Amino acid sequence: SGRTFSSYTMGWFRQAPGKEREFVAAINLSGGITLYAD
């Protein structure tokens, strides 16, 4: 929601039972730059 979505970097994380939350993937403002967990 909100009017300024395009000004936010977005990420996905995951958490399995008994484990810490871990990074999965991220994407920059335009979608042209992405980052992934190995």
Full PDB file with SEQRES, HELIX, SHEET, SSBOND, CRYST1, ORIGX, SCALE, CONECT and MASTER records, all heavy atoms in Angstrom:
SEQRES   1 A   38  SER GLY ARG THR PHE SER SER TYR THR MET GLY TRP PHE          
SEQRES   2 A   38  ARG GLN ALA PRO GLY LYS GLU ARG GLU PHE VAL ALA ALA          
SEQRES   3 A   38  ILE ASN LEU SER GLY GLY ILE THR LEU TYR ALA ASP              
HELIX    1 AA1 PHE A    5  SER A    7  5                                   3    
SHEET    1 AA1 3 MET A  10  ARG A  14  0                                        
SHEET    2 AA1 3 GLU A  22  ILE A  27 -1                                        
SHEET    3 AA1 3 THR A  34  TYR A  36 -1                                        
CRYST1    1.000    1.000    1.000  90.00  90.00  90.00 P 1           1          
ORIGX1      1.000000  0.000000  0.000000        0.00000                         
ORIGX2      0.000000  1.000000  0.000000        0.00000                         
ORIGX3      0.000000  0.000000  1.000000        0.00000                         
SCALE1      1.000000  0.000000  0.000000        0.00000                         
SCALE2      0.000000  1.000000  0.000000        0.00000                         
SCALE3      0.000000  0.000000  1.000000        0.00000                         
ATOM      1  N   SER A   1       0.854  -1.182   0.000  1.00  0.00           N  
ATOM      2  CA  SER A   1       0.000   0.000   0.000  1.00  0.00           C  
ATOM      3  C   SER A   1       0.887   1.229   0.000  1.00  0.00           C  
ATOM      4  O   SER A   1       2.110   1.136   0.172  1.00  0.00           O  
ATOM      5  CB  SER A   1      -0.891   0.000   1.238  1.00  0.00           C  
ATOM      6  OG  SER A   1      -0.085   0.131   2.394  1.00  0.00           O  
ATOM      7  N   GLY A   2       0.315   2.383  -0.155  1.00  0.00           N  
ATOM      8  CA  GLY A   2       1.097   3.606  -0.140  1.00  0.00           C  
ATOM      9  C   GLY A   2       1.387   4.109  -1.542  1.00  0.00           C  
ATOM     10  O   GLY A   2       1.358   3.340  -2.507  1.00  0.00           O  
ATOM     11  N   ARG A   3       1.707   5.390  -1.645  1.00  0.00           N  
ATOM     12  CA  ARG A   3       1.864   6.009  -2.953  1.00  0.00           C  
ATOM     13  C   ARG A   3       3.289   6.016  -3.477  1.00  0.00           C  
ATOM     14  O   ARG A   3       3.515   6.356  -4.622  1.00  0.00           O  
ATOM     15  CB  ARG A   3       1.353   7.458  -2.873  1.00  0.00           C  
ATOM     16  CG  ARG A   3      -0.150   7.556  -2.641  1.00  0.00           C  
ATOM     17  CD  ARG A   3      -0.576   9.002  -2.537  1.00  0.00           C  
ATOM     18  NE  ARG A   3      -0.051   9.631  -1.318  1.00  0.00           N  
ATOM     19  CZ  ARG A   3      -0.226  10.905  -1.025  1.00  0.00           C  
ATOM     20  NH1 ARG A   3      -0.890  11.702  -1.850  1.00  0.00           N  
ATOM     21  NH2 ARG A   3       0.258  11.404   0.090  1.00  0.00           N  
ATOM     22  N   THR A   4       4.253   5.624  -2.630  1.00  0.00           N  
ATOM     23  CA  THR A   4       5.650   5.782  -3.031  1.00  0.00           C  
ATOM     24  C   THR A   4       6.373   4.446  -3.104  1.00  0.00           C  
ATOM     25  O   THR A   4       7.548   4.352  -2.788  1.00  0.00           O  
ATOM     26  CB  THR A   4       6.369   6.709  -2.037  1.00  0.00           C  
ATOM     27  OG1 THR A   4       6.262   6.155  -0.718  1.00  0.00           O  
ATOM     28  CG2 THR A   4       5.774   8.094  -2.082  1.00  0.00           C  
ATOM     29  N   PHE A   5       5.681   3.420  -3.565  1.00  0.00           N  
ATOM     30  CA  PHE A   5       6.286   2.083  -3.628  1.00  0.00           C  
ATOM     31  C   PHE A   5       7.590   2.090  -4.399  1.00  0.00           C  
ATOM     32  O   PHE A   5       8.537   1.402  -4.035  1.00  0.00           O  
ATOM     33  CB  PHE A   5       5.290   1.126  -4.281  1.00  0.00           C  
ATOM     34  CG  PHE A   5       5.817  -0.264  -4.474  1.00  0.00           C  
ATOM     35  CD1 PHE A   5       5.968  -1.124  -3.398  1.00  0.00           C  
ATOM     36  CD2 PHE A   5       6.182  -0.720  -5.739  1.00  0.00           C  
ATOM     37  CE1 PHE A   5       6.460  -2.406  -3.567  1.00  0.00           C  
ATOM     38  CE2 PHE A   5       6.672  -2.001  -5.927  1.00  0.00           C  
ATOM     39  CZ  PHE A   5       6.807  -2.850  -4.829  1.00  0.00           C  
ATOM     40  N   SER A   6       7.658   2.869  -5.459  1.00  0.00           N  
ATOM     41  CA  SER A   6       8.842   2.872  -6.307  1.00  0.00           C  
ATOM     42  C   SER A   6      10.065   3.482  -5.633  1.00  0.00           C  
ATOM     43  O   SER A   6      11.166   3.439  -6.194  1.00  0.00           O  
ATOM     44  CB  SER A   6       8.556   3.614  -7.616  1.00  0.00           C  
ATOM     45  OG  SER A   6       8.167   4.944  -7.340  1.00  0.00           O  
ATOM     46  N   SER A   7       9.913   4.045  -4.449  1.00  0.00           N  
ATOM     47  CA  SER A   7      11.061   4.600  -3.726  1.00  0.00           C  
ATOM     48  C   SER A   7      11.599   3.640  -2.669  1.00  0.00           C  
ATOM     49  O   SER A   7      12.495   4.000  -1.907  1.00  0.00           O  
ATOM     50  CB  SER A   7      10.681   5.923  -3.056  1.00  0.00           C  
ATOM     51  OG  SER A   7       9.741   5.708  -2.016  1.00  0.00           O  
ATOM     52  N   TYR A   8      11.074   2.417  -2.666  1.00  0.00           N  
ATOM     53  CA  TYR A   8      11.479   1.429  -1.667  1.00  0.00           C  
ATOM     54  C   TYR A   8      12.268   0.291  -2.293  1.00  0.00           C  
ATOM     55  O   TYR A   8      11.868  -0.281  -3.317  1.00  0.00           O  
ATOM     56  CB  TYR A   8      10.257   0.837  -0.958  1.00  0.00           C  
ATOM     57  CG  TYR A   8       9.608   1.789   0.011  1.00  0.00           C  
ATOM     58  CD1 TYR A   8       8.701   2.737  -0.431  1.00  0.00           C  
ATOM     59  CD2 TYR A   8       9.924   1.748   1.365  1.00  0.00           C  
ATOM     60  CE1 TYR A   8       8.111   3.631   0.448  1.00  0.00           C  
ATOM     61  CE2 TYR A   8       9.329   2.637   2.253  1.00  0.00           C  
ATOM     62  CZ  TYR A   8       8.429   3.570   1.789  1.00  0.00           C  
ATOM     63  OH  TYR A   8       7.850   4.445   2.670  1.00  0.00           O  
ATOM     64  N   THR A   9      13.368  -0.040  -1.669  1.00  0.00           N  
ATOM     65  CA  THR A   9      14.043  -1.303  -1.940  1.00  0.00           C  
ATOM     66  C   THR A   9      13.242  -2.408  -1.266  1.00  0.00           C  
ATOM     67  O   THR A   9      12.791  -2.250  -0.127  1.00  0.00           O  
ATOM     68  CB  THR A   9      15.476  -1.271  -1.387  1.00  0.00           C  
ATOM     69  OG1 THR A   9      16.268  -0.410  -2.216  1.00  0.00           O  
ATOM     70  CG2 THR A   9      16.101  -2.651  -1.365  1.00  0.00           C  
ATOM     71  N   MET A  10      13.065  -3.511  -1.970  1.00  0.00           N  
ATOM     72  CA  MET A  10      12.241  -4.604  -1.461  1.00  0.00           C  
ATOM     73  C   MET A  10      13.083  -5.864  -1.257  1.00  0.00           C  
ATOM     74  O   MET A  10      14.034  -6.117  -2.009  1.00  0.00           O  
ATOM     75  CB  MET A  10      11.108  -4.908  -2.443  1.00  0.00           C  
ATOM     76  CG  MET A  10      10.193  -3.725  -2.732  1.00  0.00           C  
ATOM     77  SD  MET A  10       9.348  -3.103  -1.269  1.00  0.00           S  
ATOM     78  CE  MET A  10       8.324  -4.529  -0.848  1.00  0.00           C  
ATOM     79  N   GLY A  11      12.693  -6.640  -0.270  1.00  0.00           N  
ATOM     80  CA  GLY A  11      13.421  -7.871   0.000  1.00  0.00           C  
ATOM     81  C   GLY A  11      12.495  -9.001   0.401  1.00  0.00           C  
ATOM     82  O   GLY A  11      11.348  -8.766   0.792  1.00  0.00           O  
ATOM     83  N   TRP A  12      12.993 -10.219   0.243  1.00  0.00           N  
ATOM     84  CA  TRP A  12      12.326 -11.410   0.757  1.00  0.00           C  
ATOM     85  C   TRP A  12      13.260 -12.079   1.759  1.00  0.00           C  
ATOM     86  O   TRP A  12      14.460 -12.229   1.506  1.00  0.00           O  
ATOM     87  CB  TRP A  12      12.004 -12.391  -0.365  1.00  0.00           C  
ATOM     88  CG  TRP A  12      10.843 -12.004  -1.225  1.00  0.00           C  
ATOM     89  CD1 TRP A  12      10.888 -11.362  -2.430  1.00  0.00           C  
ATOM     90  CD2 TRP A  12       9.462 -12.246  -0.954  1.00  0.00           C  
ATOM     91  NE1 TRP A  12       9.617 -11.188  -2.922  1.00  0.00           N  
ATOM     92  CE2 TRP A  12       8.722 -11.733  -2.037  1.00  0.00           C  
ATOM     93  CE3 TRP A  12       8.768 -12.868   0.081  1.00  0.00           C  
ATOM     94  CZ2 TRP A  12       7.333 -11.802  -2.101  1.00  0.00           C  
ATOM     95  CZ3 TRP A  12       7.386 -12.937   0.021  1.00  0.00           C  
ATOM     96  CH2 TRP A  12       6.681 -12.409  -1.073  1.00  0.00           C  
ATOM     97  N   PHE A  13      12.674 -12.491   2.866  1.00  0.00           N  
ATOM     98  CA  PHE A  13      13.383 -13.233   3.894  1.00  0.00           C  
ATOM     99  C   PHE A  13      12.584 -14.477   4.231  1.00  0.00           C  
ATOM    100  O   PHE A  13      11.410 -14.576   3.879  1.00  0.00           O  
ATOM    101  CB  PHE A  13      13.559 -12.374   5.155  1.00  0.00           C  
ATOM    102  CG  PHE A  13      14.512 -11.227   4.979  1.00  0.00           C  
ATOM    103  CD1 PHE A  13      14.136 -10.075   4.304  1.00  0.00           C  
ATOM    104  CD2 PHE A  13      15.808 -11.303   5.478  1.00  0.00           C  
ATOM    105  CE1 PHE A  13      15.020  -9.021   4.121  1.00  0.00           C  
ATOM    106  CE2 PHE A  13      16.703 -10.256   5.308  1.00  0.00           C  
ATOM    107  CZ  PHE A  13      16.295  -9.113   4.632  1.00  0.00           C  
ATOM    108  N   ARG A  14      13.212 -15.416   4.913  1.00  0.00           N  
ATOM    109  CA  ARG A  14      12.488 -16.605   5.344  1.00  0.00           C  
ATOM    110  C   ARG A  14      12.970 -17.046   6.714  1.00  0.00           C  
ATOM    111  O   ARG A  14      14.095 -16.754   7.114  1.00  0.00           O  
ATOM    112  CB  ARG A  14      12.632 -17.745   4.330  1.00  0.00           C  
ATOM    113  CG  ARG A  14      14.040 -18.294   4.200  1.00  0.00           C  
ATOM    114  CD  ARG A  14      14.094 -19.299   3.046  1.00  0.00           C  
ATOM    115  NE  ARG A  14      15.430 -19.890   2.913  1.00  0.00           N  
ATOM    116  CZ  ARG A  14      15.780 -20.694   1.915  1.00  0.00           C  
ATOM    117  NH1 ARG A  14      14.901 -21.006   0.950  1.00  0.00           N  
ATOM    118  NH2 ARG A  14      16.993 -21.211   1.867  1.00  0.00           N  
ATOM    119  N   GLN A  15      12.078 -17.753   7.394  1.00  0.00           N  
ATOM    120  CA  GLN A  15      12.421 -18.259   8.717  1.00  0.00           C  
ATOM    121  C   GLN A  15      11.810 -19.635   8.904  1.00  0.00           C  
ATOM    122  O   GLN A  15      10.587 -19.800   8.835  1.00  0.00           O  
ATOM    123  CB  GLN A  15      11.931 -17.311   9.816  1.00  0.00           C  
ATOM    124  CG  GLN A  15      12.405 -17.693  11.199  1.00  0.00           C  
ATOM    125  CD  GLN A  15      12.169 -16.594  12.220  1.00  0.00           C  
ATOM    126  OE1 GLN A  15      11.360 -15.686  12.017  1.00  0.00           O  
ATOM    127  NE2 GLN A  15      12.884 -16.660  13.335  1.00  0.00           N  
ATOM    128  N   ALA A  16      12.682 -20.599   9.118  1.00  0.00           N  
ATOM    129  CA  ALA A  16      12.246 -21.964   9.396  1.00  0.00           C  
ATOM    130  C   ALA A  16      12.114 -22.150  10.903  1.00  0.00           C  
ATOM    131  O   ALA A  16      12.753 -21.430  11.674  1.00  0.00           O  
ATOM    132  CB  ALA A  16      13.251 -22.956   8.821  1.00  0.00           C  
ATOM    133  N   PRO A  17      11.314 -23.106  11.343  1.00  0.00           N  
ATOM    134  CA  PRO A  17      11.140 -23.330  12.782  1.00  0.00           C  
ATOM    135  C   PRO A  17      12.477 -23.581  13.474  1.00  0.00           C  
ATOM    136  O   PRO A  17      13.295 -24.384  13.011  1.00  0.00           O  
ATOM    137  CB  PRO A  17      10.252 -24.568  12.842  1.00  0.00           C  
ATOM    138  CG  PRO A  17       9.499 -24.548  11.565  1.00  0.00           C  
ATOM    139  CD  PRO A  17      10.453 -23.991  10.543  1.00  0.00           C  
ATOM    140  N   GLY A  18      12.703 -22.865  14.557  1.00  0.00           N  
ATOM    141  CA  GLY A  18      13.920 -23.042  15.331  1.00  0.00           C  
ATOM    142  C   GLY A  18      15.152 -22.401  14.733  1.00  0.00           C  
ATOM    143  O   GLY A  18      16.257 -22.562  15.270  1.00  0.00           O  
ATOM    144  N   LYS A  19      14.971 -21.667  13.637  1.00  0.00           N  
ATOM    145  CA  LYS A  19      16.116 -21.020  12.996  1.00  0.00           C  
ATOM    146  C   LYS A  19      15.909 -19.518  12.938  1.00  0.00           C  
ATOM    147  O   LYS A  19      14.794 -19.016  13.066  1.00  0.00           O  
ATOM    148  CB  LYS A  19      16.317 -21.587  11.584  1.00  0.00           C  
ATOM    149  CG  LYS A  19      16.709 -23.046  11.555  1.00  0.00           C  
ATOM    150  CD  LYS A  19      17.091 -23.475  10.158  1.00  0.00           C  
ATOM    151  CE  LYS A  19      17.584 -24.914  10.126  1.00  0.00           C  
ATOM    152  NZ  LYS A  19      17.997 -25.327   8.754  1.00  0.00           N  
ATOM    153  N   GLU A  20      17.005 -18.810  12.709  1.00  0.00           N  
ATOM    154  CA  GLU A  20      16.926 -17.369  12.588  1.00  0.00           C  
ATOM    155  C   GLU A  20      16.393 -16.979  11.201  1.00  0.00           C  
ATOM    156  O   GLU A  20      16.526 -17.739  10.233  1.00  0.00           O  
ATOM    157  CB  GLU A  20      18.304 -16.747  12.802  1.00  0.00           C  
ATOM    158  CG  GLU A  20      18.807 -16.865  14.236  1.00  0.00           C  
ATOM    159  CD  GLU A  20      20.094 -16.078  14.440  1.00  0.00           C  
ATOM    160  OE1 GLU A  20      20.649 -15.574  13.461  1.00  0.00           O  
ATOM    161  OE2 GLU A  20      20.532 -15.991  15.600  1.00  0.00           O  
ATOM    162  N   ARG A  21      15.812 -15.795  11.125  1.00  0.00           N  
ATOM    163  CA  ARG A  21      15.361 -15.283   9.835  1.00  0.00           C  
ATOM    164  C   ARG A  21      16.572 -15.092   8.935  1.00  0.00           C  
ATOM    165  O   ARG A  21      17.598 -14.569   9.369  1.00  0.00           O  
ATOM    166  CB  ARG A  21      14.620 -13.972  10.037  1.00  0.00           C  
ATOM    167  CG  ARG A  21      13.965 -13.421   8.792  1.00  0.00           C  
ATOM    168  CD  ARG A  21      13.076 -12.247   9.130  1.00  0.00           C  
ATOM    169  NE  ARG A  21      11.959 -12.631   9.991  1.00  0.00           N  
ATOM    170  CZ  ARG A  21      10.972 -11.811  10.324  1.00  0.00           C  
ATOM    171  NH1 ARG A  21      10.953 -10.564   9.865  1.00  0.00           N  
ATOM    172  NH2 ARG A  21      10.004 -12.224  11.112  1.00  0.00           N  
ATOM    173  N   GLU A  22      16.445 -15.504   7.688  1.00  0.00           N  
ATOM    174  CA  GLU A  22      17.565 -15.380   6.766  1.00  0.00           C  
ATOM    175  C   GLU A  22      17.145 -14.680   5.483  1.00  0.00           C  
ATOM    176  O   GLU A  22      15.998 -14.763   5.034  1.00  0.00           O  
ATOM    177  CB  GLU A  22      18.168 -16.750   6.432  1.00  0.00           C  
ATOM    178  CG  GLU A  22      17.264 -17.681   5.657  1.00  0.00           C  
ATOM    179  CD  GLU A  22      17.991 -18.943   5.204  1.00  0.00           C  
ATOM    180  OE1 GLU A  22      19.207 -19.083   5.435  1.00  0.00           O  
ATOM    181  OE2 GLU A  22      17.316 -19.798   4.594  1.00  0.00           O  
ATOM    182  N   PHE A  23      18.106 -14.012   4.892  1.00  0.00           N  
ATOM    183  CA  PHE A  23      17.903 -13.283   3.645  1.00  0.00           C  
ATOM    184  C   PHE A  23      17.709 -14.257   2.497  1.00  0.00           C  
ATOM    185  O   PHE A  23      18.367 -15.290   2.419  1.00  0.00           O  
ATOM    186  CB  PHE A  23      19.123 -12.396   3.389  1.00  0.00           C  
ATOM    187  CG  PHE A  23      19.159 -11.785   2.022  1.00  0.00           C  
ATOM    188  CD1 PHE A  23      18.363 -10.704   1.711  1.00  0.00           C  
ATOM    189  CD2 PHE A  23      20.008 -12.298   1.048  1.00  0.00           C  
ATOM    190  CE1 PHE A  23      18.398 -10.133   0.451  1.00  0.00           C  
ATOM    191  CE2 PHE A  23      20.061 -11.738  -0.223  1.00  0.00           C  
ATOM    192  CZ  PHE A  23      19.256 -10.643  -0.507  1.00  0.00           C  
ATOM    193  N   VAL A  24      16.796 -13.895   1.586  1.00  0.00           N  
ATOM    194  CA  VAL A  24      16.568 -14.683   0.378  1.00  0.00           C  
ATOM    195  C   VAL A  24      16.937 -13.887  -0.874  1.00  0.00           C  
ATOM    196  O   VAL A  24      17.758 -14.325  -1.672  1.00  0.00           O  
ATOM    197  CB  VAL A  24      15.095 -15.142   0.294  1.00  0.00           C  
ATOM    198  CG1 VAL A  24      14.850 -15.886  -1.028  1.00  0.00           C  
ATOM    199  CG2 VAL A  24      14.729 -16.019   1.480  1.00  0.00           C  
ATOM    200  N   ALA A  25      16.320 -12.718  -1.035  1.00  0.00           N  
ATOM    201  CA  ALA A  25      16.561 -11.926  -2.241  1.00  0.00           C  
ATOM    202  C   ALA A  25      16.164 -10.480  -1.996  1.00  0.00           C  
ATOM    203  O   ALA A  25      15.356 -10.191  -1.110  1.00  0.00           O  
ATOM    204  CB  ALA A  25      15.769 -12.493  -3.414  1.00  0.00           C  
ATOM    205  N   ALA A  26      16.737  -9.584  -2.779  1.00  0.00           N  
ATOM    206  CA  ALA A  26      16.401  -8.169  -2.700  1.00  0.00           C  
ATOM    207  C   ALA A  26      16.424  -7.568  -4.096  1.00  0.00           C  
ATOM    208  O   ALA A  26      17.091  -8.093  -5.003  1.00  0.00           O  
ATOM    209  CB  ALA A  26      17.356  -7.424  -1.776  1.00  0.00           C  
ATOM    210  N   ILE A  27      15.721  -6.453  -4.251  1.00  0.00           N  
ATOM    211  CA  ILE A  27      15.631  -5.796  -5.556  1.00  0.00           C  
ATOM    212  C   ILE A  27      15.593  -4.291  -5.352  1.00  0.00           C  
ATOM    213  O   ILE A  27      14.980  -3.797  -4.405  1.00  0.00           O  
ATOM    214  CB  ILE A  27      14.385  -6.308  -6.314  1.00  0.00           C  
ATOM    215  CG1 ILE A  27      14.394  -5.866  -7.769  1.00  0.00           C  
ATOM    216  CG2 ILE A  27      13.095  -5.903  -5.607  1.00  0.00           C  
ATOM    217  CD1 ILE A  27      13.387  -6.623  -8.628  1.00  0.00           C  
ATOM    218  N   ASN A  28      16.266  -3.556  -6.243  1.00  0.00           N  
ATOM    219  CA  ASN A  28      16.354  -2.109  -6.068  1.00  0.00           C  
ATOM    220  C   ASN A  28      15.091  -1.417  -6.594  1.00  0.00           C  
ATOM    221  O   ASN A  28      14.125  -2.054  -7.007  1.00  0.00           O  
ATOM    222  CB  ASN A  28      17.610  -1.574  -6.735  1.00  0.00           C  
ATOM    223  CG  ASN A  28      17.446  -1.422  -8.246  1.00  0.00           C  
ATOM    224  OD1 ASN A  28      16.830  -2.276  -8.890  1.00  0.00           O  
ATOM    225  ND2 ASN A  28      17.971  -0.342  -8.794  1.00  0.00           N  
ATOM    226  N   LEU A  29      15.132  -0.107  -6.609  1.00  0.00           N  
ATOM    227  CA  LEU A  29      13.950   0.698  -6.924  1.00  0.00           C  
ATOM    228  C   LEU A  29      13.313   0.342  -8.257  1.00  0.00           C  
ATOM    229  O   LEU A  29      12.096   0.218  -8.369  1.00  0.00           O  
ATOM    230  CB  LEU A  29      14.320   2.186  -6.937  1.00  0.00           C  
ATOM    231  CG  LEU A  29      15.037   2.746  -5.726  1.00  0.00           C  
ATOM    232  CD1 LEU A  29      15.302   4.234  -5.932  1.00  0.00           C  
ATOM    233  CD2 LEU A  29      14.217   2.509  -4.482  1.00  0.00           C  
ATOM    234  N   SER A  30      14.141   0.200  -9.264  1.00  0.00           N  
ATOM    235  CA  SER A  30      13.620   0.006 -10.617  1.00  0.00           C  
ATOM    236  C   SER A  30      13.474  -1.460 -10.989  1.00  0.00           C  
ATOM    237  O   SER A  30      12.811  -1.784 -11.972  1.00  0.00           O  
ATOM    238  CB  SER A  30      14.551   0.677 -11.629  1.00  0.00           C  
ATOM    239  OG  SER A  30      15.778  -0.029 -11.697  1.00  0.00           O  
ATOM    240  N   GLY A  31      14.126  -2.327 -10.233  1.00  0.00           N  
ATOM    241  CA  GLY A  31      14.145  -3.743 -10.575  1.00  0.00           C  
ATOM    242  C   GLY A  31      15.357  -4.142 -11.376  1.00  0.00           C  
ATOM    243  O   GLY A  31      15.519  -5.302 -11.734  1.00  0.00           O  
ATOM    244  N   GLY A  32      16.225  -3.179 -11.655  1.00  0.00           N  
ATOM    245  CA  GLY A  32      17.393  -3.476 -12.458  1.00  0.00           C  
ATOM    246  C   GLY A  32      18.547  -4.101 -11.705  1.00  0.00           C  
ATOM    247  O   GLY A  32      19.488  -4.615 -12.313  1.00  0.00           O  
ATOM    248  N   ILE A  33      18.508  -4.058 -10.394  1.00  0.00           N  
ATOM    249  CA  ILE A  33      19.567  -4.635  -9.565  1.00  0.00           C  
ATOM    250  C   ILE A  33      18.938  -5.620  -8.593  1.00  0.00           C  
ATOM    251  O   ILE A  33      17.995  -5.286  -7.879  1.00  0.00           O  
ATOM    252  CB  ILE A  33      20.314  -3.535  -8.782  1.00  0.00           C  
ATOM    253  CG1 ILE A  33      20.960  -2.547  -9.755  1.00  0.00           C  
ATOM    254  CG2 ILE A  33      21.376  -4.154  -7.872  1.00  0.00           C  
ATOM    255  CD1 ILE A  33      21.548  -1.326  -9.088  1.00  0.00           C  
ATOM    256  N   THR A  34      19.456  -6.827  -8.584  1.00  0.00           N  
ATOM    257  CA  THR A  34      18.945  -7.861  -7.685  1.00  0.00           C  
ATOM    258  C   THR A  34      20.096  -8.485  -6.911  1.00  0.00           C  
ATOM    259  O   THR A  34      21.258  -8.446  -7.332  1.00  0.00           O  
ATOM    260  CB  THR A  34      18.193  -8.955  -8.458  1.00  0.00           C  
ATOM    261  OG1 THR A  34      19.056  -9.506  -9.462  1.00  0.00           O  
ATOM    262  CG2 THR A  34      16.949  -8.400  -9.120  1.00  0.00           C  
ATOM    263  N   LEU A  35      19.741  -9.070  -5.780  1.00  0.00           N  
ATOM    264  CA  LEU A  35      20.712  -9.684  -4.882  1.00  0.00           C  
ATOM    265  C   LEU A  35      20.075 -10.976  -4.376  1.00  0.00           C  
ATOM    266  O   LEU A  35      18.884 -10.983  -4.031  1.00  0.00           O  
ATOM    267  CB  LEU A  35      20.995  -8.734  -3.729  1.00  0.00           C  
ATOM    268  CG  LEU A  35      22.127  -9.022  -2.762  1.00  0.00           C  
ATOM    269  CD1 LEU A  35      23.465  -9.008  -3.482  1.00  0.00           C  
ATOM    270  CD2 LEU A  35      22.120  -7.983  -1.645  1.00  0.00           C  
ATOM    271  N   TYR A  36      20.868 -12.060  -4.325  1.00  0.00           N  
ATOM    272  CA  TYR A  36      20.330 -13.346  -3.899  1.00  0.00           C  
ATOM    273  C   TYR A  36      21.242 -14.008  -2.872  1.00  0.00           C  
ATOM    274  O   TYR A  36      22.464 -13.853  -2.909  1.00  0.00           O  
ATOM    275  CB  TYR A  36      20.202 -14.306  -5.088  1.00  0.00           C  
ATOM    276  CG  TYR A  36      19.182 -13.876  -6.110  1.00  0.00           C  
ATOM    277  CD1 TYR A  36      19.548 -13.149  -7.240  1.00  0.00           C  
ATOM    278  CD2 TYR A  36      17.837 -14.196  -5.946  1.00  0.00           C  
ATOM    279  CE1 TYR A  36      18.608 -12.746  -8.173  1.00  0.00           C  
ATOM    280  CE2 TYR A  36      16.885 -13.809  -6.884  1.00  0.00           C  
ATOM    281  CZ  TYR A  36      17.287 -13.083  -7.991  1.00  0.00           C  
ATOM    282  OH  TYR A  36      16.351 -12.692  -8.920  1.00  0.00           O  
ATOM    283  N   ALA A  37      20.631 -14.769  -1.997  1.00  0.00           N  
ATOM    284  CA  ALA A  37      21.402 -15.648  -1.137  1.00  0.00           C  
ATOM    285  C   ALA A  37      21.984 -16.767  -1.991  1.00  0.00           C  
ATOM    286  O   ALA A  37      21.365 -17.202  -2.975  1.00  0.00           O  
ATOM    287  CB  ALA A  37      20.502 -16.243  -0.051  1.00  0.00           C  
ATOM    288  N   ASP A  38      23.161 -17.233  -1.624  1.00  0.00           N  
ATOM    289  CA  ASP A  38      23.802 -18.297  -2.400  1.00  0.00           C  
ATOM    290  C   ASP A  38      22.922 -19.545  -2.478  1.00  0.00           C  
ATOM    291  O   ASP A  38      22.928 -20.259  -3.477  1.00  0.00           O  
ATOM    292  CB  ASP A  38      25.145 -18.655  -1.777  1.00  0.00           C  
ATOM    293  CG  ASP A  38      26.189 -17.581  -2.001  1.00  0.00           C  
ATOM    294  OD1 ASP A  38      25.991 -16.717  -2.882  1.00  0.00           O  
ATOM    295  OD2 ASP A  38      27.217 -17.596  -1.298  1.00  0.00           O  
TER     296      ASP A  38                                                      
MASTER        0    0    0    1    3    0    0    6  295    1    0    3          
END                                                                             
